[in-house]
Amino acid sequence: MKFKLDENIGKRGLELLRTAGHDVETVCEEGLGGESDDVIFNSVVKEGRALITLDHDFCHVLRFPPETSHGIVILELPPKALPDSINLRLKDFLAILSTRPLKNELWIVEPCRVRIHQTEKEG
């Protein structure tokens, strides 16, 4: 799968995702550091990448509709996060990803659970 790591994640988790066989780029590598959330979202949609971020602004499904994307993943960290907290959340994410597709969904990966926002499908 193709992912883009938001600048608030940087390169943390990059190797973990690549080792798992994923195509991963970072916002900073693309020269998008400091750009607005709208620019970042449009970039991932255009490139067919899922976004992995710590930014809860991407929970606003009317502004950033997951159904138009390859997926949005928000990693939820504890207030006093340890340096390896991002990798721990990414491991949780990868475990769920192996059982369910991410495309068109918003996932909030918390300690011990993943909340998934699904859009109603017309039947």
PDB file of N, CA and C in Angstrom:
ATOM      1  N   MET A   1       0.849  -1.170   0.000  1.00  0.00           N
ATOM      2  CA  MET A   1       0.000   0.000   0.000  1.00  0.00           C
ATOM      3  C   MET A   1       0.894   1.233   0.000  1.00  0.00           C
ATOM      4  N   LYS A   2       0.351   2.343  -0.501  1.00  0.00           N
ATOM      5  CA  LYS A   2       1.099   3.593  -0.569  1.00  0.00           C
ATOM      6  C   LYS A   2       0.647   4.528   0.561  1.00  0.00           C
ATOM      7  N   PHE A   3       1.643   5.026   1.335  1.00  0.00           N
ATOM      8  CA  PHE A   3       1.362   5.917   2.457  1.00  0.00           C
ATOM      9  C   PHE A   3       2.165   7.199   2.339  1.00  0.00           C
ATOM     10  N   LYS A   4       1.618   8.247   2.955  1.00  0.00           N
ATOM     11  CA  LYS A   4       2.374   9.483   3.156  1.00  0.00           C
ATOM     12  C   LYS A   4       2.310   9.796   4.643  1.00  0.00           C
ATOM     13  N   LEU A   5       3.494  10.003   5.244  1.00  0.00           N
ATOM     14  CA  LEU A   5       3.572  10.365   6.658  1.00  0.00           C
ATOM     15  C   LEU A   5       3.546  11.881   6.781  1.00  0.00           C
ATOM     16  N   ASP A   6       2.647  12.387   7.593  1.00  0.00           N
ATOM     17  CA  ASP A   6       2.539  13.827   7.827  1.00  0.00           C
ATOM     18  C   ASP A   6       3.800  14.314   8.534  1.00  0.00           C
ATOM     19  N   GLU A   7       4.035  15.623   8.468  1.00  0.00           N
ATOM     20  CA  GLU A   7       5.268  16.158   9.045  1.00  0.00           C
ATOM     21  C   GLU A   7       5.323  16.013  10.564  1.00  0.00           C
ATOM     22  N   ASN A   8       4.166  15.875  11.232  1.00  0.00           N
ATOM     23  CA  ASN A   8       4.187  15.695  12.686  1.00  0.00           C
ATOM     24  C   ASN A   8       4.662  14.299  13.078  1.00  0.00           C
ATOM     25  N   ILE A   9       4.782  13.415  12.113  1.00  0.00           N
ATOM     26  CA  ILE A   9       5.355  12.091  12.348  1.00  0.00           C
ATOM     27  C   ILE A   9       6.805  12.062  11.882  1.00  0.00           C
ATOM     28  N   GLY A  10       7.101  12.828  10.861  1.00  0.00           N
ATOM     29  CA  GLY A  10       8.464  12.861  10.325  1.00  0.00           C
ATOM     30  C   GLY A  10       8.856  11.509   9.769  1.00  0.00           C
ATOM     31  N   LYS A  11      10.054  11.075  10.111  1.00  0.00           N
ATOM     32  CA  LYS A  11      10.551   9.793   9.597  1.00  0.00           C
ATOM     33  C   LYS A  11      10.330   8.647  10.576  1.00  0.00           C
ATOM     34  N   ARG A  12       9.744   8.955  11.746  1.00  0.00           N
ATOM     35  CA  ARG A  12       9.465   7.890  12.693  1.00  0.00           C
ATOM     36  C   ARG A  12       8.467   6.922  12.083  1.00  0.00           C
ATOM     37  N   GLY A  13       8.760   5.680  12.125  1.00  0.00           N
ATOM     38  CA  GLY A  13       7.878   4.661  11.573  1.00  0.00           C
ATOM     39  C   GLY A  13       8.117   4.362  10.111  1.00  0.00           C
ATOM     40  N   LEU A  14       8.915   5.187   9.457  1.00  0.00           N
ATOM     41  CA  LEU A  14       9.189   5.011   8.029  1.00  0.00           C
ATOM     42  C   LEU A  14       9.750   3.619   7.741  1.00  0.00           C
ATOM     43  N   GLU A  15      10.761   3.240   8.479  1.00  0.00           N
ATOM     44  CA  GLU A  15      11.406   1.938   8.257  1.00  0.00           C
ATOM     45  C   GLU A  15      10.457   0.785   8.596  1.00  0.00           C
ATOM     46  N   LEU A  16       9.675   0.938   9.657  1.00  0.00           N
ATOM     47  CA  LEU A  16       8.712  -0.092  10.046  1.00  0.00           C
ATOM     48  C   LEU A  16       7.725  -0.353   8.905  1.00  0.00           C
ATOM     49  N   LEU A  17       7.189   0.689   8.318  1.00  0.00           N
ATOM     50  CA  LEU A  17       6.230   0.543   7.225  1.00  0.00           C
ATOM     51  C   LEU A  17       6.882  -0.007   5.964  1.00  0.00           C
ATOM     52  N   ARG A  18       8.079   0.453   5.672  1.00  0.00           N
ATOM     53  CA  ARG A  18       8.777  -0.045   4.476  1.00  0.00           C
ATOM     54  C   ARG A  18       9.138  -1.518   4.637  1.00  0.00           C
ATOM     55  N   THR A  19       9.570  -1.903   5.827  1.00  0.00           N
ATOM     56  CA  THR A  19       9.906  -3.303   6.091  1.00  0.00           C
ATOM     57  C   THR A  19       8.672  -4.190   5.921  1.00  0.00           C
ATOM     58  N   ALA A  20       7.503  -3.638   6.216  1.00  0.00           N
ATOM     59  CA  ALA A  20       6.252  -4.383   6.051  1.00  0.00           C
ATOM     60  C   ALA A  20       5.810  -4.430   4.580  1.00  0.00           C
ATOM     61  N   GLY A  21       6.610  -3.836   3.690  1.00  0.00           N
ATOM     62  CA  GLY A  21       6.341  -3.930   2.263  1.00  0.00           C
ATOM     63  C   GLY A  21       5.565  -2.783   1.647  1.00  0.00           C
ATOM     64  N   HIS A  22       5.450  -1.680   2.371  1.00  0.00           N
ATOM     65  CA  HIS A  22       4.665  -0.550   1.884  1.00  0.00           C
ATOM     66  C   HIS A  22       5.545   0.521   1.231  1.00  0.00           C
ATOM     67  N   ASP A  23       4.967   1.243   0.311  1.00  0.00           N
ATOM     68  CA  ASP A  23       5.602   2.369  -0.365  1.00  0.00           C
ATOM     69  C   ASP A  23       5.300   3.611   0.485  1.00  0.00           C
ATOM     70  N   VAL A  24       6.323   4.190   1.086  1.00  0.00           N
ATOM     71  CA  VAL A  24       6.115   5.273   2.048  1.00  0.00           C
ATOM     72  C   VAL A  24       6.933   6.503   1.668  1.00  0.00           C
ATOM     73  N   GLU A  25       6.281   7.653   1.702  1.00  0.00           N
ATOM     74  CA  GLU A  25       6.938   8.948   1.520  1.00  0.00           C
ATOM     75  C   GLU A  25       6.540   9.834   2.689  1.00  0.00           C
ATOM     76  N   THR A  26       7.318  10.881   2.910  1.00  0.00           N
ATOM     77  CA  THR A  26       6.973  11.833   3.961  1.00  0.00           C
ATOM     78  C   THR A  26       6.611  13.170   3.336  1.00  0.00           C
ATOM     79  N   VAL A  27       5.811  13.936   4.046  1.00  0.00           N
ATOM     80  CA  VAL A  27       5.420  15.271   3.603  1.00  0.00           C
ATOM     81  C   VAL A  27       6.666  16.120   3.364  1.00  0.00           C
ATOM     82  N   CYS A  28       7.639  16.033   4.257  1.00  0.00           N
ATOM     83  CA  CYS A  28       8.851  16.852   4.127  1.00  0.00           C
ATOM     84  C   CYS A  28       9.682  16.447   2.918  1.00  0.00           C
ATOM     85  N   GLU A  29       9.786  15.152   2.638  1.00  0.00           N
ATOM     86  CA  GLU A  29      10.516  14.694   1.460  1.00  0.00           C
ATOM     87  C   GLU A  29       9.920  15.266   0.177  1.00  0.00           C
ATOM     88  N   GLU A  30       8.627  15.496   0.196  1.00  0.00           N
ATOM     89  CA  GLU A  30       7.926  16.010  -0.981  1.00  0.00           C
ATOM     90  C   GLU A  30       7.958  17.533  -1.048  1.00  0.00           C
ATOM     91  N   GLY A  31       8.601  18.180  -0.050  1.00  0.00           N
ATOM     92  CA  GLY A  31       8.647  19.637  -0.042  1.00  0.00           C
ATOM     93  C   GLY A  31       7.343  20.280   0.386  1.00  0.00           C
ATOM     94  N   LEU A  32       6.511  19.529   1.126  1.00  0.00           N
ATOM     95  CA  LEU A  32       5.217  20.047   1.563  1.00  0.00           C
ATOM     96  C   LEU A  32       5.200  20.444   3.038  1.00  0.00           C
ATOM     97  N   GLY A  33       6.365  20.476   3.680  1.00  0.00           N
ATOM     98  CA  GLY A  33       6.441  20.883   5.084  1.00  0.00           C
ATOM     99  C   GLY A  33       5.893  22.292   5.256  1.00  0.00           C
ATOM    100  N   GLY A  34       5.028  22.491   6.227  1.00  0.00           N
ATOM    101  CA  GLY A  34       4.456  23.803   6.498  1.00  0.00           C
ATOM    102  C   GLY A  34       3.231  24.132   5.665  1.00  0.00           C
ATOM    103  N   GLU A  35       2.864  23.243   4.738  1.00  0.00           N
ATOM    104  CA  GLU A  35       1.679  23.488   3.911  1.00  0.00           C
ATOM    105  C   GLU A  35       0.406  23.245   4.723  1.00  0.00           C
ATOM    106  N   SER A  36      -0.692  23.776   4.233  1.00  0.00           N
ATOM    107  CA  SER A  36      -1.978  23.631   4.919  1.00  0.00           C
ATOM    108  C   SER A  36      -2.466  22.179   4.838  1.00  0.00           C
ATOM    109  N   ASP A  37      -3.382  21.851   5.736  1.00  0.00           N
ATOM    110  CA  ASP A  37      -3.976  20.511   5.718  1.00  0.00           C
ATOM    111  C   ASP A  37      -4.666  20.240   4.387  1.00  0.00           C
ATOM    112  N   ASP A  38      -5.278  21.262   3.802  1.00  0.00           N
ATOM    113  CA  ASP A  38      -5.958  21.088   2.518  1.00  0.00           C
ATOM    114  C   ASP A  38      -4.967  20.685   1.419  1.00  0.00           C
ATOM    115  N   VAL A  39      -3.808  21.317   1.399  1.00  0.00           N
ATOM    116  CA  VAL A  39      -2.784  20.993   0.406  1.00  0.00           C
ATOM    117  C   VAL A  39      -2.298  19.562   0.610  1.00  0.00           C
ATOM    118  N   ILE A  40      -2.077  19.174   1.860  1.00  0.00           N
ATOM    119  CA  ILE A  40      -1.625  17.809   2.173  1.00  0.00           C
ATOM    120  C   ILE A  40      -2.677  16.795   1.722  1.00  0.00           C
ATOM    121  N   PHE A  41      -3.935  17.055   2.058  1.00  0.00           N
ATOM    122  CA  PHE A  41      -5.009  16.128   1.695  1.00  0.00           C
ATOM    123  C   PHE A  41      -5.125  16.000   0.177  1.00  0.00           C
ATOM    124  N   ASN A  42      -5.105  17.106  -0.527  1.00  0.00           N
ATOM    125  CA  ASN A  42      -5.194  17.067  -1.989  1.00  0.00           C
ATOM    126  C   ASN A  42      -4.024  16.296  -2.595  1.00  0.00           C
ATOM    127  N   SER A  43      -2.859  16.425  -1.976  1.00  0.00           N
ATOM    128  CA  SER A  43      -1.673  15.716  -2.442  1.00  0.00           C
ATOM    129  C   SER A  43      -1.840  14.204  -2.315  1.00  0.00           C
ATOM    130  N   VAL A  44      -2.317  13.740  -1.161  1.00  0.00           N
ATOM    131  CA  VAL A  44      -2.463  12.291  -0.980  1.00  0.00           C
ATOM    132  C   VAL A  44      -3.562  11.724  -1.868  1.00  0.00           C
ATOM    133  N   VAL A  45      -4.621  12.498  -2.070  1.00  0.00           N
ATOM    134  CA  VAL A  45      -5.688  12.036  -2.960  1.00  0.00           C
ATOM    135  C   VAL A  45      -5.154  11.899  -4.383  1.00  0.00           C
ATOM    136  N   LYS A  46      -4.449  12.926  -4.833  1.00  0.00           N
ATOM    137  CA  LYS A  46      -3.896  12.926  -6.197  1.00  0.00           C
ATOM    138  C   LYS A  46      -2.906  11.776  -6.410  1.00  0.00           C
ATOM    139  N   GLU A  47      -2.091  11.484  -5.390  1.00  0.00           N
ATOM    140  CA  GLU A  47      -1.065  10.452  -5.496  1.00  0.00           C
ATOM    141  C   GLU A  47      -1.566   9.045  -5.190  1.00  0.00           C
ATOM    142  N   GLY A  48      -2.808   8.932  -4.732  1.00  0.00           N
ATOM    143  CA  GLY A  48      -3.335   7.613  -4.381  1.00  0.00           C
ATOM    144  C   GLY A  48      -2.683   7.029  -3.145  1.00  0.00           C
ATOM    145  N   ARG A  49      -2.338   7.901  -2.202  1.00  0.00           N
ATOM    146  CA  ARG A  49      -1.706   7.470  -0.952  1.00  0.00           C
ATOM    147  C   ARG A  49      -2.665   7.644   0.214  1.00  0.00           C
ATOM    148  N   ALA A  50      -2.517   6.815   1.216  1.00  0.00           N
ATOM    149  CA  ALA A  50      -3.230   7.007   2.477  1.00  0.00           C
ATOM    150  C   ALA A  50      -2.360   7.894   3.362  1.00  0.00           C
ATOM    151  N   LEU A  51      -2.994   8.774   4.104  1.00  0.00           N
ATOM    152  CA  LEU A  51      -2.291   9.690   5.002  1.00  0.00           C
ATOM    153  C   LEU A  51      -2.220   9.097   6.398  1.00  0.00           C
ATOM    154  N   ILE A  52      -1.027   9.166   7.006  1.00  0.00           N
ATOM    155  CA  ILE A  52      -0.856   8.794   8.413  1.00  0.00           C
ATOM    156  C   ILE A  52      -0.396  10.039   9.133  1.00  0.00           C
ATOM    157  N   THR A  53      -1.126  10.426  10.184  1.00  0.00           N
ATOM    158  CA  THR A  53      -0.888  11.703  10.856  1.00  0.00           C
ATOM    159  C   THR A  53      -1.214  11.621  12.342  1.00  0.00           C
ATOM    160  N   LEU A  54      -0.802  12.651  13.067  1.00  0.00           N
ATOM    161  CA  LEU A  54      -1.210  12.838  14.463  1.00  0.00           C
ATOM    162  C   LEU A  54      -2.261  13.945  14.561  1.00  0.00           C
ATOM    163  N   ASP A  55      -2.544  14.595  13.447  1.00  0.00           N
ATOM    164  CA  ASP A  55      -3.381  15.794  13.377  1.00  0.00           C
ATOM    165  C   ASP A  55      -4.869  15.438  13.384  1.00  0.00           C
ATOM    166  N   HIS A  56      -5.550  15.803  14.468  1.00  0.00           N
ATOM    167  CA  HIS A  56      -6.978  15.504  14.604  1.00  0.00           C
ATOM    168  C   HIS A  56      -7.866  16.355  13.701  1.00  0.00           C
ATOM    169  N   ASP A  57      -7.306  17.367  13.042  1.00  0.00           N
ATOM    170  CA  ASP A  57      -8.101  18.143  12.088  1.00  0.00           C
ATOM    171  C   ASP A  57      -8.615  17.248  10.962  1.00  0.00           C
ATOM    172  N   PHE A  58      -7.882  16.184  10.673  1.00  0.00           N
ATOM    173  CA  PHE A  58      -8.299  15.271   9.604  1.00  0.00           C
ATOM    174  C   PHE A  58      -9.489  14.400  10.003  1.00  0.00           C
ATOM    175  N   CYS A  59      -9.976  14.544  11.248  1.00  0.00           N
ATOM    176  CA  CYS A  59     -11.204  13.864  11.681  1.00  0.00           C
ATOM    177  C   CYS A  59     -12.445  14.552  11.118  1.00  0.00           C
ATOM    178  N   HIS A  60     -12.304  15.759  10.620  1.00  0.00           N
ATOM    179  CA  HIS A  60     -13.439  16.508  10.087  1.00  0.00           C
ATOM    180  C   HIS A  60     -13.796  15.949   8.709  1.00  0.00           C
ATOM    181  N   VAL A  61     -14.735  15.005   8.706  1.00  0.00           N
ATOM    182  CA  VAL A  61     -15.030  14.244   7.494  1.00  0.00           C
ATOM    183  C   VAL A  61     -15.728  15.067   6.415  1.00  0.00           C
ATOM    184  N   LEU A  62     -16.317  16.184   6.767  1.00  0.00           N
ATOM    185  CA  LEU A  62     -16.906  17.039   5.738  1.00  0.00           C
ATOM    186  C   LEU A  62     -15.822  17.819   4.998  1.00  0.00           C
ATOM    187  N   ARG A  63     -14.793  18.208   5.712  1.00  0.00           N
ATOM    188  CA  ARG A  63     -13.673  18.932   5.104  1.00  0.00           C
ATOM    189  C   ARG A  63     -12.708  17.985   4.390  1.00  0.00           C
ATOM    190  N   PHE A  64     -12.465  16.830   5.002  1.00  0.00           N
ATOM    191  CA  PHE A  64     -11.550  15.830   4.451  1.00  0.00           C
ATOM    192  C   PHE A  64     -12.297  14.503   4.307  1.00  0.00           C
ATOM    193  N   PRO A  65     -13.136  14.382   3.284  1.00  0.00           N
ATOM    194  CA  PRO A  65     -13.973  13.183   3.160  1.00  0.00           C
ATOM    195  C   PRO A  65     -13.149  11.928   2.875  1.00  0.00           C
ATOM    196  N   PRO A  66     -13.146  10.987   3.809  1.00  0.00           N
ATOM    197  CA  PRO A  66     -12.347   9.777   3.623  1.00  0.00           C
ATOM    198  C   PRO A  66     -12.745   8.993   2.374  1.00  0.00           C
ATOM    199  N   GLU A  67     -14.016   9.084   1.991  1.00  0.00           N
ATOM    200  CA  GLU A  67     -14.469   8.308   0.832  1.00  0.00           C
ATOM    201  C   GLU A  67     -13.848   8.775  -0.486  1.00  0.00           C
ATOM    202  N   THR A  68     -13.186   9.926  -0.476  1.00  0.00           N
ATOM    203  CA  THR A  68     -12.496  10.403  -1.681  1.00  0.00           C
ATOM    204  C   THR A  68     -11.002  10.084  -1.641  1.00  0.00           C
ATOM    205  N   SER A  69     -10.589   9.378  -0.612  1.00  0.00           N
ATOM    206  CA  SER A  69      -9.157   9.138  -0.401  1.00  0.00           C
ATOM    207  C   SER A  69      -8.841   7.647  -0.381  1.00  0.00           C
ATOM    208  N   HIS A  70      -7.564   7.349  -0.268  1.00  0.00           N
ATOM    209  CA  HIS A  70      -7.130   5.964  -0.073  1.00  0.00           C
ATOM    210  C   HIS A  70      -7.046   5.634   1.414  1.00  0.00           C
ATOM    211  N   GLY A  71      -7.543   6.543   2.234  1.00  0.00           N
ATOM    212  CA  GLY A  71      -7.612   6.322   3.672  1.00  0.00           C
ATOM    213  C   GLY A  71      -6.876   7.384   4.459  1.00  0.00           C
ATOM    214  N   ILE A  72      -7.375   7.612   5.661  1.00  0.00           N
ATOM    215  CA  ILE A  72      -6.761   8.546   6.602  1.00  0.00           C
ATOM    216  C   ILE A  72      -6.575   7.788   7.907  1.00  0.00           C
ATOM    217  N   VAL A  73      -5.368   7.854   8.445  1.00  0.00           N
ATOM    218  CA  VAL A  73      -5.057   7.184   9.708  1.00  0.00           C
ATOM    219  C   VAL A  73      -4.558   8.239  10.680  1.00  0.00           C
ATOM    220  N   ILE A  74      -5.248   8.358  11.816  1.00  0.00           N
ATOM    221  CA  ILE A  74      -4.823   9.273  12.866  1.00  0.00           C
ATOM    222  C   ILE A  74      -4.333   8.427  14.033  1.00  0.00           C
ATOM    223  N   LEU A  75      -3.079   8.627  14.394  1.00  0.00           N
ATOM    224  CA  LEU A  75      -2.502   7.894  15.518  1.00  0.00           C
ATOM    225  C   LEU A  75      -2.752   8.684  16.791  1.00  0.00           C
ATOM    226  N   GLU A  76      -3.371   8.055  17.738  1.00  0.00           N
ATOM    227  CA  GLU A  76      -3.696   8.669  19.024  1.00  0.00           C
ATOM    228  C   GLU A  76      -2.598   8.300  20.016  1.00  0.00           C
ATOM    229  N   LEU A  77      -1.949   9.315  20.576  1.00  0.00           N
ATOM    230  CA  LEU A  77      -0.864   9.074  21.528  1.00  0.00           C
ATOM    231  C   LEU A  77      -1.260   9.545  22.917  1.00  0.00           C
ATOM    232  N   PRO A  78      -0.724   8.917  23.960  1.00  0.00           N
ATOM    233  CA  PRO A  78      -1.004   9.379  25.324  1.00  0.00           C
ATOM    234  C   PRO A  78      -0.344  10.737  25.566  1.00  0.00           C
ATOM    235  N   PRO A  79      -0.835  11.488  26.560  1.00  0.00           N
ATOM    236  CA  PRO A  79      -0.283  12.825  26.824  1.00  0.00           C
ATOM    237  C   PRO A  79       1.232  12.838  27.043  1.00  0.00           C
ATOM    238  N   LYS A  80       1.745  11.863  27.743  1.00  0.00           N
ATOM    239  CA  LYS A  80       3.194  11.788  27.980  1.00  0.00           C
ATOM    240  C   LYS A  80       3.747  10.608  27.202  1.00  0.00           C
ATOM    241  N   ALA A  81       3.742  10.759  25.890  1.00  0.00           N
ATOM    242  CA  ALA A  81       4.133   9.665  25.007  1.00  0.00           C
ATOM    243  C   ALA A  81       5.631   9.379  25.106  1.00  0.00           C
ATOM    244  N   LEU A  82       5.945   8.105  25.073  1.00  0.00           N
ATOM    245  CA  LEU A  82       7.338   7.672  25.022  1.00  0.00           C
ATOM    246  C   LEU A  82       7.848   7.811  23.591  1.00  0.00           C
ATOM    247  N   PRO A  83       9.159   7.865  23.404  1.00  0.00           N
ATOM    248  CA  PRO A  83       9.692   8.016  22.045  1.00  0.00           C
ATOM    249  C   PRO A  83       9.209   6.940  21.064  1.00  0.00           C
ATOM    250  N   ASP A  84       8.949   5.736  21.547  1.00  0.00           N
ATOM    251  CA  ASP A  84       8.534   4.653  20.662  1.00  0.00           C
ATOM    252  C   ASP A  84       7.014   4.556  20.496  1.00  0.00           C
ATOM    253  N   SER A  85       6.267   5.518  21.037  1.00  0.00           N
ATOM    254  CA  SER A  85       4.804   5.451  20.990  1.00  0.00           C
ATOM    255  C   SER A  85       4.261   5.419  19.567  1.00  0.00           C
ATOM    256  N   ILE A  86       4.866   6.165  18.665  1.00  0.00           N
ATOM    257  CA  ILE A  86       4.397   6.165  17.278  1.00  0.00           C
ATOM    258  C   ILE A  86       4.557   4.776  16.666  1.00  0.00           C
ATOM    259  N   ASN A  87       5.694   4.145  16.888  1.00  0.00           N
ATOM    260  CA  ASN A  87       5.890   2.792  16.345  1.00  0.00           C
ATOM    261  C   ASN A  87       4.911   1.793  16.953  1.00  0.00           C
ATOM    262  N   LEU A  88       4.590   1.958  18.223  1.00  0.00           N
ATOM    263  CA  LEU A  88       3.610   1.061  18.844  1.00  0.00           C
ATOM    264  C   LEU A  88       2.246   1.221  18.194  1.00  0.00           C
ATOM    265  N   ARG A  89       1.814   2.469  17.948  1.00  0.00           N
ATOM    266  CA  ARG A  89       0.532   2.696  17.269  1.00  0.00           C
ATOM    267  C   ARG A  89       0.571   2.169  15.841  1.00  0.00           C
ATOM    268  N   LEU A  90       1.709   2.352  15.165  1.00  0.00           N
ATOM    269  CA  LEU A  90       1.826   1.848  13.794  1.00  0.00           C
ATOM    270  C   LEU A  90       1.734   0.325  13.758  1.00  0.00           C
ATOM    271  N   LYS A  91       2.296  -0.342  14.746  1.00  0.00           N
ATOM    272  CA  LYS A  91       2.181  -1.808  14.811  1.00  0.00           C
ATOM    273  C   LYS A  91       0.724  -2.225  15.006  1.00  0.00           C
ATOM    274  N   ASP A  92      -0.005  -1.480  15.856  1.00  0.00           N
ATOM    275  CA  ASP A  92      -1.446  -1.742  16.027  1.00  0.00           C
ATOM    276  C   ASP A  92      -2.172  -1.553  14.695  1.00  0.00           C
ATOM    277  N   PHE A  93      -1.833  -0.467  14.005  1.00  0.00           N
ATOM    278  CA  PHE A  93      -2.435  -0.166  12.713  1.00  0.00           C
ATOM    279  C   PHE A  93      -2.164  -1.285  11.706  1.00  0.00           C
ATOM    280  N   LEU A  94      -0.924  -1.727  11.602  1.00  0.00           N
ATOM    281  CA  LEU A  94      -0.564  -2.776  10.641  1.00  0.00           C
ATOM    282  C   LEU A  94      -1.291  -4.094  10.935  1.00  0.00           C
ATOM    283  N   ALA A  95      -1.508  -4.376  12.205  1.00  0.00           N
ATOM    284  CA  ALA A  95      -2.226  -5.598  12.569  1.00  0.00           C
ATOM    285  C   ALA A  95      -3.663  -5.559  12.043  1.00  0.00           C
ATOM    286  N   ILE A  96      -4.324  -4.422  12.154  1.00  0.00           N
ATOM    287  CA  ILE A  96      -5.692  -4.286  11.645  1.00  0.00           C
ATOM    288  C   ILE A  96      -5.693  -4.249  10.117  1.00  0.00           C
ATOM    289  N   LEU A  97      -4.707  -3.549   9.540  1.00  0.00           N
ATOM    290  CA  LEU A  97      -4.620  -3.427   8.083  1.00  0.00           C
ATOM    291  C   LEU A  97      -4.531  -4.793   7.407  1.00  0.00           C
ATOM    292  N   SER A  98      -3.953  -5.751   8.089  1.00  0.00           N
ATOM    293  CA  SER A  98      -3.822  -7.089   7.499  1.00  0.00           C
ATOM    294  C   SER A  98      -5.161  -7.816   7.430  1.00  0.00           C
ATOM    295  N   THR A  99      -6.194  -7.280   8.094  1.00  0.00           N
ATOM    296  CA  THR A  99      -7.496  -7.948   8.119  1.00  0.00           C
ATOM    297  C   THR A  99      -8.599  -7.161   7.420  1.00  0.00           C
ATOM    298  N   ARG A 100      -8.307  -5.893   7.042  1.00  0.00           N
ATOM    299  CA  ARG A 100      -9.368  -5.028   6.531  1.00  0.00           C
ATOM    300  C   ARG A 100      -8.767  -3.943   5.646  1.00  0.00           C
ATOM    301  N   PRO A 101      -9.409  -3.616   4.520  1.00  0.00           N
ATOM    302  CA  PRO A 101      -8.879  -2.539   3.676  1.00  0.00           C
ATOM    303  C   PRO A 101      -9.131  -1.162   4.291  1.00  0.00           C
ATOM    304  N   LEU A 102      -8.205  -0.263   4.071  1.00  0.00           N
ATOM    305  CA  LEU A 102      -8.276   1.105   4.599  1.00  0.00           C
ATOM    306  C   LEU A 102      -8.955   2.066   3.636  1.00  0.00           C
ATOM    307  N   LYS A 103      -8.920   1.763   2.356  1.00  0.00           N
ATOM    308  CA  LYS A 103      -9.395   2.698   1.334  1.00  0.00           C
ATOM    309  C   LYS A 103     -10.782   3.250   1.666  1.00  0.00           C
ATOM    310  N   ASN A 104     -10.918   4.576   1.523  1.00  0.00           N
ATOM    311  CA  ASN A 104     -12.168   5.303   1.725  1.00  0.00           C
ATOM    312  C   ASN A 104     -12.619   5.382   3.186  1.00  0.00           C
ATOM    313  N   GLU A 105     -11.737   5.081   4.130  1.00  0.00           N
ATOM    314  CA  GLU A 105     -12.125   5.123   5.547  1.00  0.00           C
ATOM    315  C   GLU A 105     -11.175   6.001   6.353  1.00  0.00           C
ATOM    316  N   LEU A 106     -11.675   6.440   7.494  1.00  0.00           N
ATOM    317  CA  LEU A 106     -10.891   7.163   8.491  1.00  0.00           C
ATOM    318  C   LEU A 106     -10.719   6.232   9.677  1.00  0.00           C
ATOM    319  N   TRP A 107      -9.455   5.975  10.038  1.00  0.00           N
ATOM    320  CA  TRP A 107      -9.156   5.133  11.197  1.00  0.00           C
ATOM    321  C   TRP A 107      -8.474   5.984  12.256  1.00  0.00           C
ATOM    322  N   ILE A 108      -8.952   5.875  13.483  1.00  0.00           N
ATOM    323  CA  ILE A 108      -8.288   6.508  14.617  1.00  0.00           C
ATOM    324  C   ILE A 108      -7.728   5.375  15.466  1.00  0.00           C
ATOM    325  N   VAL A 109      -6.398   5.283  15.465  1.00  0.00           N
ATOM    326  CA  VAL A 109      -5.723   4.170  16.125  1.00  0.00           C
ATOM    327  C   VAL A 109      -5.338   4.607  17.535  1.00  0.00           C
ATOM    328  N   GLU A 110      -6.025   4.025  18.507  1.00  0.00           N
ATOM    329  CA  GLU A 110      -5.815   4.329  19.918  1.00  0.00           C
ATOM    330  C   GLU A 110      -5.148   3.135  20.589  1.00  0.00           C
ATOM    331  N   PRO A 111      -4.642   3.329  21.797  1.00  0.00           N
ATOM    332  CA  PRO A 111      -4.122   2.164  22.520  1.00  0.00           C
ATOM    333  C   PRO A 111      -5.241   1.127  22.701  1.00  0.00           C
ATOM    334  N   CYS A 112      -5.023  -0.065  22.249  1.00  0.00           N
ATOM    335  CA  CYS A 112      -5.926  -1.204  22.434  1.00  0.00           C
ATOM    336  C   CYS A 112      -7.208  -1.175  21.605  1.00  0.00           C
ATOM    337  N   ARG A 113      -7.381  -0.191  20.700  1.00  0.00           N
ATOM    338  CA  ARG A 113      -8.558  -0.222  19.830  1.00  0.00           C
ATOM    339  C   ARG A 113      -8.364   0.696  18.626  1.00  0.00           C
ATOM    340  N   VAL A 114      -9.166   0.439  17.606  1.00  0.00           N
ATOM    341  CA  VAL A 114      -9.178   1.282  16.411  1.00  0.00           C
ATOM    342  C   VAL A 114     -10.628   1.671  16.149  1.00  0.00           C
ATOM    343  N   ARG A 115     -10.874   2.968  16.055  1.00  0.00           N
ATOM    344  CA  ARG A 115     -12.212   3.460  15.688  1.00  0.00           C
ATOM    345  C   ARG A 115     -12.200   3.711  14.184  1.00  0.00           C
ATOM    346  N   ILE A 116     -13.216   3.224  13.499  1.00  0.00           N
ATOM    347  CA  ILE A 116     -13.284   3.332  12.051  1.00  0.00           C
ATOM    348  C   ILE A 116     -14.540   4.087  11.658  1.00  0.00           C
ATOM    349  N   HIS A 117     -14.348   5.167  10.902  1.00  0.00           N
ATOM    350  CA  HIS A 117     -15.468   5.942  10.380  1.00  0.00           C
ATOM    351  C   HIS A 117     -15.771   5.427   8.981  1.00  0.00           C
ATOM    352  N   GLN A 118     -16.981   4.925   8.809  1.00  0.00           N
ATOM    353  CA  GLN A 118     -17.393   4.426   7.513  1.00  0.00           C
ATOM    354  C   GLN A 118     -18.489   5.318   6.976  1.00  0.00           C
ATOM    355  N   THR A 119     -18.448   5.554   5.689  1.00  0.00           N
ATOM    356  CA  THR A 119     -19.491   6.327   5.032  1.00  0.00           C
ATOM    357  C   THR A 119     -20.592   5.369   4.631  1.00  0.00           C
ATOM    358  N   GLU A 120     -21.840   5.805   4.813  1.00  0.00           N
ATOM    359  CA  GLU A 120     -22.959   4.965   4.392  1.00  0.00           C
ATOM    360  C   GLU A 120     -22.899   4.759   2.897  1.00  0.00           C
ATOM    361  N   LYS A 121     -23.086   3.527   2.485  1.00  0.00           N
ATOM    362  CA  LYS A 121     -23.072   3.199   1.069  1.00  0.00           C
ATOM    363  C   LYS A 121     -24.511   3.042   0.586  1.00  0.00           C
ATOM    364  N   GLU A 122     -24.764   3.620  -0.573  1.00  0.00           N
ATOM    365  CA  GLU A 122     -26.097   3.481  -1.152  1.00  0.00           C
ATOM    366  C   GLU A 122     -26.291   2.049  -1.614  1.00  0.00           C
ATOM    367  N   GLY A 123     -27.466   1.509  -1.370  1.00  0.00           N
ATOM    368  CA  GLY A 123     -27.636   0.126  -1.618  1.00  0.00           C
ATOM    369  C   GLY A 123     -28.495  -0.276  -2.690  1.00  0.00           C
TER     370      GLY A 123
END
